[in-house]
């Protein structure tokens, strides 16, 4: 595997850890009861001697779970994977940008407190903005799966009382920005920028010299915010979903 091309595939996988992980010949089958495609998709990196057979195995794995087979296709994806999935009729979903910024912090923190665990209010705010599309499908509520993902690695959590949250994951020289969410009733007040600056400052004080985040291409408002705060596009990925 080319570690450089797969850098952001690996960082995102580490920062958003699926509670269920099965490794198969260099690929990782991730599952979390359907909560987020990121945690319920195949991370397929590196060379593969028999690509069609490897895809067949992945399809059987998710079929046994009763979940759709989804692949994350990023910059480090197995050569030929996207074409193979296209031939099988997999559709492209959620084209996503990887955006980066150097330095991680410019000393523009809003002064909010960064906690080492999400409070109940933090979870309610985040889930209220981003979790509505997920439905309870088993004995464990969908939001609980989301909480397991969030707390699977050390991270910092910001909550602004007005109704905005964010999460930062320290990863060596990088800090990953996740879960940026502002309640609809208080948007366009600069709360997203305040959360982002606080997280960037927190990451910088923990040794990060660069920051990254991921945002769907369709999310024009979030992209505009990140561009104003100095982020530029470093790469892209998308999902392939079996019909």
Protein backbone atom coordinates (compact mmCIF):
# COMPACT_ATOMS: atom_id res chain seq x y z
CA UNK A 1 0.00 0.00 0.00
CA UNK A 2 1.22 3.49 -0.86
CA UNK A 3 1.09 5.15 2.57
CA UNK A 4 1.28 8.65 1.10
CA UNK A 5 -1.71 8.29 -1.25
CA UNK A 6 -3.69 6.48 1.47
CA UNK A 7 -2.81 9.02 4.19
CA UNK A 8 -6.27 10.56 4.51
CA UNK A 9 -8.07 7.23 4.07
CA UNK A 10 -6.15 6.02 7.12
CA UNK A 11 -6.57 9.21 9.14
CA UNK A 12 -10.34 9.25 8.61
CA UNK A 13 -10.61 5.55 9.43
CA UNK A 14 -8.67 6.10 12.66
CA UNK A 15 -10.65 9.18 13.69
CA UNK A 16 -14.08 7.63 12.96
CA UNK A 17 -13.59 4.07 14.21
CA UNK A 18 -16.28 1.54 13.41
CA UNK A 19 -17.07 -0.62 16.46
CA UNK A 20 -17.16 -3.65 14.16
CA UNK A 21 -14.03 -4.33 12.10
CA UNK A 22 -13.03 -7.45 10.19
CA UNK A 23 -9.80 -7.57 8.18
CA UNK A 24 -9.72 -9.68 5.04
CA UNK A 25 -6.62 -9.84 2.84
CA UNK A 26 -5.72 -6.20 3.48
CA UNK A 27 -9.25 -4.83 3.24
CA UNK A 28 -11.30 -3.81 6.27
CA UNK A 29 -15.02 -4.50 6.55
CA UNK A 30 -16.44 -1.85 8.87
CA UNK A 31 -19.89 -2.04 10.43
CA UNK A 32 -21.91 -0.12 13.02
CA UNK A 33 -25.54 -1.10 12.46
CA UNK A 34 -25.79 1.24 9.48
CA UNK A 35 -24.91 4.44 11.37
CA UNK A 36 -22.90 6.53 8.86
CA UNK A 37 -21.50 5.16 5.62
CA UNK A 38 -18.01 5.90 6.89
CA UNK A 39 -18.41 3.29 9.63
CA UNK A 40 -20.37 0.85 7.45
CA UNK A 41 -18.22 0.44 4.38
CA UNK A 42 -15.26 -1.44 3.00
CA UNK A 43 -11.91 0.29 3.34
CA UNK A 44 -10.13 -1.25 0.36
CA UNK A 45 -6.48 -0.19 0.18
CA UNK A 46 -3.44 -1.64 -1.55
CA UNK A 47 -2.97 -4.13 -4.35
CA UNK A 48 -5.36 -7.04 -4.85
CA UNK A 49 -4.45 -10.14 -6.84
CA UNK A 50 -8.05 -11.16 -7.60
CA UNK A 51 -10.25 -8.07 -7.42
CA UNK A 52 -13.58 -9.64 -8.53
CA UNK A 53 -13.22 -12.39 -5.95
CA UNK A 54 -12.38 -9.86 -3.22
CA UNK A 55 -15.51 -7.84 -4.05
CA UNK A 56 -17.57 -11.05 -3.97
CA UNK A 57 -16.30 -11.78 -0.45
CA UNK A 58 -17.19 -8.29 0.73
CA UNK A 59 -20.68 -8.58 -0.71
CA UNK A 60 -21.26 -11.87 1.11
CA UNK A 61 -20.03 -10.38 4.39
CA UNK A 62 -22.52 -7.50 4.35
CA UNK A 63 -25.31 -9.70 3.03
CA UNK A 64 -24.83 -11.93 6.08
CA UNK A 65 -25.23 -8.81 8.27
CA UNK A 66 -28.35 -7.77 6.40
CA UNK A 67 -26.69 -4.51 5.32
CA UNK A 68 -26.03 -3.05 1.87
CA UNK A 69 -22.49 -3.42 0.58
CA UNK A 70 -20.78 -0.02 0.48
CA UNK A 71 -17.21 0.81 -0.54
CA UNK A 72 -15.25 3.91 0.40
CA UNK A 73 -13.19 4.84 -2.66
CA UNK A 74 -10.48 7.31 -1.76
CA UNK A 75 -7.06 8.33 -2.99
CA UNK A 76 -5.47 5.13 -1.72
CA UNK A 77 -8.14 2.76 -3.04
CA UNK A 78 -7.15 -0.57 -4.57
CA UNK A 79 -6.28 -0.01 -8.25
CA UNK A 80 -9.20 -0.86 -10.52
CA UNK A 81 -11.74 -0.97 -7.69
CA UNK A 82 -13.85 1.95 -8.87
CA UNK A 83 -14.08 0.50 -12.37
CA UNK A 84 -14.98 -2.96 -11.08
CA UNK A 85 -17.75 -1.56 -8.91
CA UNK A 86 -19.03 0.54 -11.79
CA UNK A 87 -19.29 -2.57 -13.96
CA UNK A 88 -21.36 -4.21 -11.22
CA UNK A 89 -23.79 -1.33 -11.17
CA UNK A 90 -22.69 0.29 -7.92
CA UNK A 91 -23.75 3.93 -7.87
CA UNK A 92 -21.59 6.81 -6.69
CA UNK A 93 -22.86 8.47 -3.50
CA UNK A 94 -21.70 11.51 -1.52
CA UNK A 95 -18.65 12.79 -3.43
CA UNK A 96 -16.56 14.28 -0.63
CA UNK A 97 -13.69 16.75 -0.40
CA UNK A 98 -10.69 16.39 1.90
CA UNK A 99 -9.68 19.90 2.94
CA UNK A 100 -6.53 20.88 4.81
CA UNK A 101 -5.02 23.89 6.50
CA UNK A 102 -1.50 24.74 7.68
CA UNK A 103 -0.86 25.80 10.38
CA UNK A 104 -3.46 24.02 12.44
CA UNK A 105 -4.16 27.12 14.54
CA UNK A 106 -3.88 30.84 13.92
CA UNK A 107 -4.65 31.88 17.50
CA UNK A 108 -8.27 32.73 16.74
CA UNK A 109 -9.96 30.61 19.40
CA UNK A 110 -13.35 31.72 20.65
CA UNK A 111 -12.53 30.75 24.23
CA UNK A 112 -15.08 27.94 24.58
CA UNK A 113 -14.19 24.99 26.79
CA UNK A 114 -12.97 21.81 25.10
CA UNK A 115 -14.05 18.70 26.99
CA UNK A 116 -12.61 15.19 26.69
CA UNK A 117 -16.04 13.53 26.40
CA UNK A 118 -19.34 14.54 24.80
CA UNK A 119 -22.00 15.70 27.23
CA UNK A 120 -25.64 14.72 26.86
CA UNK A 121 -26.37 18.20 25.48
CA UNK A 122 -23.51 17.85 22.98
CA UNK A 123 -24.89 14.51 21.81
CA UNK A 124 -28.44 15.85 21.51
CA UNK A 125 -27.26 18.80 19.44
CA UNK A 126 -25.11 16.73 17.11
CA UNK A 127 -27.69 13.99 16.67
CA UNK A 128 -30.47 16.51 16.15
CA UNK A 129 -28.58 18.03 13.21
CA UNK A 130 -26.87 14.99 11.68
CA UNK A 131 -28.60 11.93 13.05
CA UNK A 132 -32.15 12.29 11.76
CA UNK A 133 -31.62 10.00 8.77
CA UNK A 134 -30.60 7.07 10.99
CA UNK A 135 -33.30 4.81 12.35
CA UNK A 136 -33.19 2.30 15.19
CA UNK A 137 -32.93 -1.14 13.61
CA UNK A 138 -31.88 -3.42 16.45
CA UNK A 139 -31.68 -3.72 20.22
CA UNK A 140 -29.18 -0.83 20.43
CA UNK A 141 -30.50 2.65 19.51
CA UNK A 142 -28.87 4.29 16.51
CA UNK A 143 -27.66 7.23 18.60
CA UNK A 144 -25.82 4.83 20.90
CA UNK A 145 -23.94 3.48 17.87
CA UNK A 146 -23.05 7.05 16.99
CA UNK A 147 -21.75 7.66 20.50
CA UNK A 148 -19.64 4.50 20.33
CA UNK A 149 -18.03 5.75 17.13
CA UNK A 150 -17.37 9.22 18.55
CA UNK A 151 -15.75 7.97 21.73
CA UNK A 152 -13.73 5.19 20.11
CA UNK A 153 -10.58 7.34 20.15
CA UNK A 154 -9.43 10.27 22.31
CA UNK A 155 -10.94 13.53 21.10
CA UNK A 156 -11.93 17.02 22.18
CA UNK A 157 -15.54 18.22 22.17
CA UNK A 158 -16.82 21.80 22.00
CA UNK A 159 -20.35 22.88 22.85
CA UNK A 160 -21.61 26.43 22.48
CA UNK A 161 -24.75 26.94 24.55
CA UNK A 162 -26.48 28.73 21.69
CA UNK A 163 -26.61 25.40 19.82
CA UNK A 164 -23.37 24.47 18.05
CA UNK A 165 -20.90 21.62 18.50
CA UNK A 166 -17.73 20.16 17.03
CA UNK A 167 -15.17 17.42 17.64
CA UNK A 168 -11.40 17.35 17.10
CA UNK A 169 -9.18 14.26 16.97
CA UNK A 170 -5.43 14.68 17.64
CA UNK A 171 -3.46 12.45 15.27
CA UNK A 172 0.21 13.29 15.55
CA UNK A 173 1.03 16.26 13.34
CA UNK A 174 -2.62 16.34 12.23
CA UNK A 175 -5.81 17.33 13.97
CA UNK A 176 -9.00 16.06 12.35
CA UNK A 177 -12.16 18.21 12.57
CA UNK A 178 -15.44 16.29 12.77
CA UNK A 179 -19.10 16.66 13.76
CA UNK A 180 -19.42 20.35 12.97
CA UNK A 181 -23.11 21.00 13.61
CA UNK A 182 -25.14 24.17 14.20
CA UNK A 183 -28.83 24.04 15.02
CA UNK A 184 -30.93 25.56 12.21
CA UNK A 185 -32.50 28.20 14.47
CA UNK A 186 -29.10 29.83 15.21
CA UNK A 187 -27.33 29.56 11.88
CA UNK A 188 -25.66 32.56 10.20
CA UNK A 189 -24.45 33.94 13.52
CA UNK A 190 -20.80 32.88 13.28
CA UNK A 191 -21.17 29.94 15.65
CA UNK A 192 -19.67 27.44 13.22
CA UNK A 193 -16.57 29.61 12.82
CA UNK A 194 -16.28 29.98 16.62
CA UNK A 195 -16.41 26.21 17.12
CA UNK A 196 -13.92 25.60 14.32
CA UNK A 197 -11.41 28.14 15.62
CA UNK A 198 -11.63 26.73 19.13
CA UNK A 199 -10.95 23.20 17.87
CA UNK A 200 -8.07 24.36 15.69
CA UNK A 201 -6.48 26.19 18.61
CA UNK A 202 -6.93 23.11 20.82
CA UNK A 203 -5.27 20.89 18.21
CA UNK A 204 -2.40 23.29 17.72
CA UNK A 205 -1.70 23.38 21.44
CA UNK A 206 -1.44 19.58 21.34
CA UNK A 207 1.31 19.59 18.76
CA UNK A 208 -0.59 19.49 15.47
CA UNK A 209 0.90 21.63 12.72
CA UNK A 210 -1.82 20.84 10.16
CA UNK A 211 -5.57 20.31 10.21
CA UNK A 212 -7.90 18.39 7.92
CA UNK A 213 -11.62 17.84 7.58
CA UNK A 214 -13.99 16.18 5.14
CA UNK A 215 -17.10 17.75 3.66
CA UNK A 216 -19.48 16.63 0.95
CA UNK A 217 -19.19 18.52 -2.32
CA UNK A 218 -22.91 19.35 -2.10
CA UNK A 219 -22.56 21.17 1.23
CA UNK A 220 -21.86 24.62 -0.20
CA UNK A 221 -22.41 26.51 3.07
CA UNK A 222 -19.92 24.41 5.02
CA UNK A 223 -17.39 24.56 2.20
CA UNK A 224 -17.63 28.35 2.15
CA UNK A 225 -16.99 28.49 5.90
CA UNK A 226 -13.96 26.25 5.67
CA UNK A 227 -12.52 28.22 2.76
CA UNK A 228 -12.92 31.47 4.73
CA UNK A 229 -11.00 29.83 7.57
CA UNK A 230 -8.08 28.93 5.33
CA UNK A 231 -8.86 25.36 4.26
CA UNK A 232 -8.10 24.26 0.70
CA UNK A 233 -8.96 21.07 -1.19
CA UNK A 234 -6.29 18.37 -0.83
CA UNK A 235 -8.17 15.40 -2.28
CA UNK A 236 -11.45 13.61 -2.80
CA UNK A 237 -13.27 10.38 -2.12
CA UNK A 238 -16.71 8.93 -2.69
CA UNK A 239 -18.79 5.93 -1.82
CA UNK A 240 -19.99 3.18 -4.11
CA UNK A 241 -23.28 1.64 -3.01
CA UNK A 242 -24.70 -1.61 -4.32
CA UNK A 243 -28.18 -1.14 -5.84
